[in-house]
Amino acid sequence: MLLRATGWMAVPVMAEVVERLIHNGGLARQAKLKREKAALRDAIVRRVLKEWLPAAAAAPGFHTWLPLPAGRTLAALIAQAAQAGITLAPPGTLGRMESENLGVRLCLGAPATEADLERALIEIRQILEMAEAISFV
C-alpha cells in the first residue's frame, strides 16, 4: 500500500518543473550540455588510453569499455587500481562474458572535474604500462 501511495503518479511539482523546462527550452539546453560534457570526457579517455581502447563505435557517453590487455588478469588490474585509489568493478554484474571479452567499464561521469578524470586515467595508463605484479596473482 505504501509503495502505491508514493509511486502512483509523477509528483505534481516535478511535473510542473519539467513542463516549464520543455516550454522555455531549458531541457534542450541541458541535453546539449550533457552531450558536450560526454564528448569532452570521451576525448580525454581516448587521448589518455588510446592504445588500449577499441575504436569508438557509438556516440560518446559517460562510460567506455576497457578491454583486459593480453597477459593481464582482471583481479590484478582491479587490485592495482584500488591501491591507486581507483575503484574498478569486475564485469560480472554486466552479464556473462567470454574470457576473450574481459575488461572493465570505465565510468567517465563520476569524477567531479575533467582534471580529476584525467588524473585517474593517467594512473590507469601507468598501471597498464607496468608488468603485472606477481603478488596480485
Protein backbone atom coordinates (compact mmCIF):
# COMPACT_ATOMS: atom_id res chain seq x y z
CA MET A 1 0.00 0.00 0.00
CA LEU A 2 2.78 2.42 0.88
CA LEU A 3 4.57 1.83 -2.44
CA ARG A 4 1.41 2.56 -4.40
CA ALA A 5 0.78 5.69 -2.36
CA THR A 6 4.24 7.06 -3.13
CA GLY A 7 4.53 5.93 -6.74
CA TRP A 8 1.03 6.34 -8.10
CA MET A 9 1.90 9.28 -10.36
CA ALA A 10 4.56 11.87 -11.02
CA VAL A 11 4.99 14.34 -8.20
CA PRO A 12 2.98 17.37 -9.36
CA VAL A 13 5.69 19.92 -8.59
CA MET A 14 8.25 17.90 -10.61
CA ALA A 15 5.81 17.55 -13.49
CA GLU A 16 5.41 21.34 -13.45
CA VAL A 17 9.19 21.88 -13.42
CA VAL A 18 9.69 19.53 -16.38
CA GLU A 19 6.84 21.14 -18.32
CA ARG A 20 8.37 24.59 -17.83
CA LEU A 21 11.82 23.32 -18.83
CA ILE A 22 10.37 21.85 -22.02
CA HIS A 23 8.50 25.03 -22.94
CA ASN A 24 11.29 27.51 -22.15
CA GLY A 25 13.99 25.44 -23.89
CA GLY A 26 15.82 24.63 -20.66
CA LEU A 27 15.51 20.88 -21.17
CA ALA A 28 17.01 21.09 -24.67
CA ARG A 29 19.87 23.24 -23.32
CA GLN A 30 20.54 20.70 -20.55
CA ALA A 31 20.56 17.82 -23.04
CA LYS A 32 23.01 19.76 -25.26
CA LEU A 33 25.28 20.45 -22.28
CA LYS A 34 25.23 16.75 -21.31
CA ARG A 35 26.17 15.71 -24.86
CA GLU A 36 29.02 18.24 -24.89
CA LYS A 37 30.27 17.04 -21.49
CA ALA A 38 30.14 13.41 -22.67
CA ALA A 39 32.10 14.31 -25.82
CA LEU A 40 34.72 16.19 -23.76
CA ARG A 41 35.20 13.31 -21.34
CA ASP A 42 35.25 10.78 -24.18
CA ALA A 43 38.00 12.82 -25.87
CA ILE A 44 40.02 12.75 -22.64
CA VAL A 45 39.78 8.97 -22.24
CA ARG A 46 40.59 8.42 -25.93
CA ARG A 47 43.66 10.68 -25.67
CA VAL A 48 44.99 9.15 -22.43
CA LEU A 49 44.18 5.47 -23.08
CA LYS A 50 44.14 5.45 -26.89
CA GLU A 51 46.31 2.35 -27.37
CA TRP A 52 44.13 0.24 -25.04
CA LEU A 53 40.69 1.25 -26.28
CA PRO A 54 38.78 -0.19 -29.23
CA ALA A 55 37.71 2.25 -31.94
CA ALA A 56 34.72 4.33 -30.93
CA ALA A 57 31.62 2.64 -32.32
CA ALA A 58 28.87 4.85 -30.92
CA ALA A 59 28.18 8.40 -29.87
CA PRO A 60 30.23 9.48 -26.85
CA GLY A 61 28.74 8.63 -23.50
CA PHE A 62 29.68 8.62 -19.84
CA HIS A 63 31.03 5.05 -19.93
CA THR A 64 33.59 3.27 -22.06
CA TRP A 65 34.82 -0.32 -22.18
CA LEU A 66 38.47 -1.01 -21.39
CA PRO A 67 39.36 -4.50 -22.65
CA LEU A 68 41.74 -6.52 -20.49
CA PRO A 69 45.19 -6.30 -22.10
CA ALA A 70 46.90 -9.55 -23.09
CA GLY A 71 48.93 -11.04 -20.27
CA ARG A 72 46.93 -9.30 -17.55
CA THR A 73 44.44 -10.73 -15.09
CA LEU A 74 41.29 -8.92 -14.16
CA ALA A 75 41.92 -9.41 -10.44
CA ALA A 76 45.37 -7.83 -10.66
CA LEU A 77 44.14 -4.86 -12.67
CA ILE A 78 41.36 -4.21 -10.16
CA ALA A 79 43.70 -4.62 -7.18
CA GLN A 80 46.37 -2.32 -8.62
CA ALA A 81 43.77 0.33 -9.40
CA ALA A 82 42.40 0.03 -5.85
CA GLN A 83 45.88 0.67 -4.46
CA ALA A 84 45.93 3.87 -6.52
CA GLY A 85 42.55 4.91 -5.09
CA ILE A 86 40.55 4.00 -8.21
CA THR A 87 37.58 1.67 -7.99
CA LEU A 88 37.17 -0.73 -10.90
CA ALA A 89 34.37 -3.26 -10.77
CA PRO A 90 34.58 -6.69 -12.41
CA PRO A 91 32.17 -7.20 -15.29
CA GLY A 92 30.19 -9.94 -13.50
CA THR A 93 27.22 -7.67 -12.95
CA LEU A 94 27.14 -6.81 -16.64
CA GLY A 95 26.33 -10.36 -17.62
CA ARG A 96 28.21 -13.49 -18.64
CA MET A 97 31.24 -12.79 -20.77
CA GLU A 98 33.68 -14.93 -22.68
CA SER A 99 37.28 -14.72 -21.48
CA GLU A 100 38.42 -13.02 -24.71
CA ASN A 101 35.99 -10.13 -23.99
CA LEU A 102 37.00 -9.48 -20.39
CA GLY A 103 37.59 -5.95 -19.28
CA VAL A 104 36.14 -3.20 -17.13
CA ARG A 105 33.64 -0.45 -17.79
CA LEU A 106 35.13 2.95 -17.03
CA CYS A 107 32.66 5.47 -15.61
CA LEU A 108 33.66 8.82 -17.08
CA GLY A 109 30.93 10.79 -15.35
CA ALA A 110 31.84 10.02 -11.74
CA PRO A 111 34.92 12.25 -11.31
CA ALA A 112 33.90 15.76 -10.26
CA THR A 113 36.11 17.52 -12.79
CA GLU A 114 37.85 16.74 -16.06
CA ALA A 115 41.17 17.20 -14.25
CA ASP A 116 40.17 14.50 -11.73
CA LEU A 117 39.15 12.22 -14.60
CA GLU A 118 42.44 12.79 -16.42
CA ARG A 119 44.48 12.09 -13.26
CA ALA A 120 42.64 8.79 -12.72
CA LEU A 121 43.05 7.79 -16.37
CA ILE A 122 46.77 8.58 -16.28
CA GLU A 123 47.04 6.36 -13.20
CA ILE A 124 45.22 3.57 -15.05
CA ARG A 125 47.54 4.05 -18.05
CA GLN A 126 50.58 3.71 -15.78
CA ILE A 127 49.13 0.51 -14.33
CA LEU A 128 48.54 -0.86 -17.84
CA GLU A 129 52.12 0.01 -18.83
CA MET A 130 53.60 -1.90 -15.88
CA ALA A 131 54.23 -5.60 -15.98
CA GLU A 132 51.67 -7.42 -13.89
CA ALA A 133 52.81 -7.77 -10.31
CA ILE A 134 53.11 -11.42 -9.30
CA SER A 135 51.93 -10.58 -5.78
CA PHE A 136 48.45 -9.84 -7.15
CA VAL A 137 48.01 -13.18 -8.92
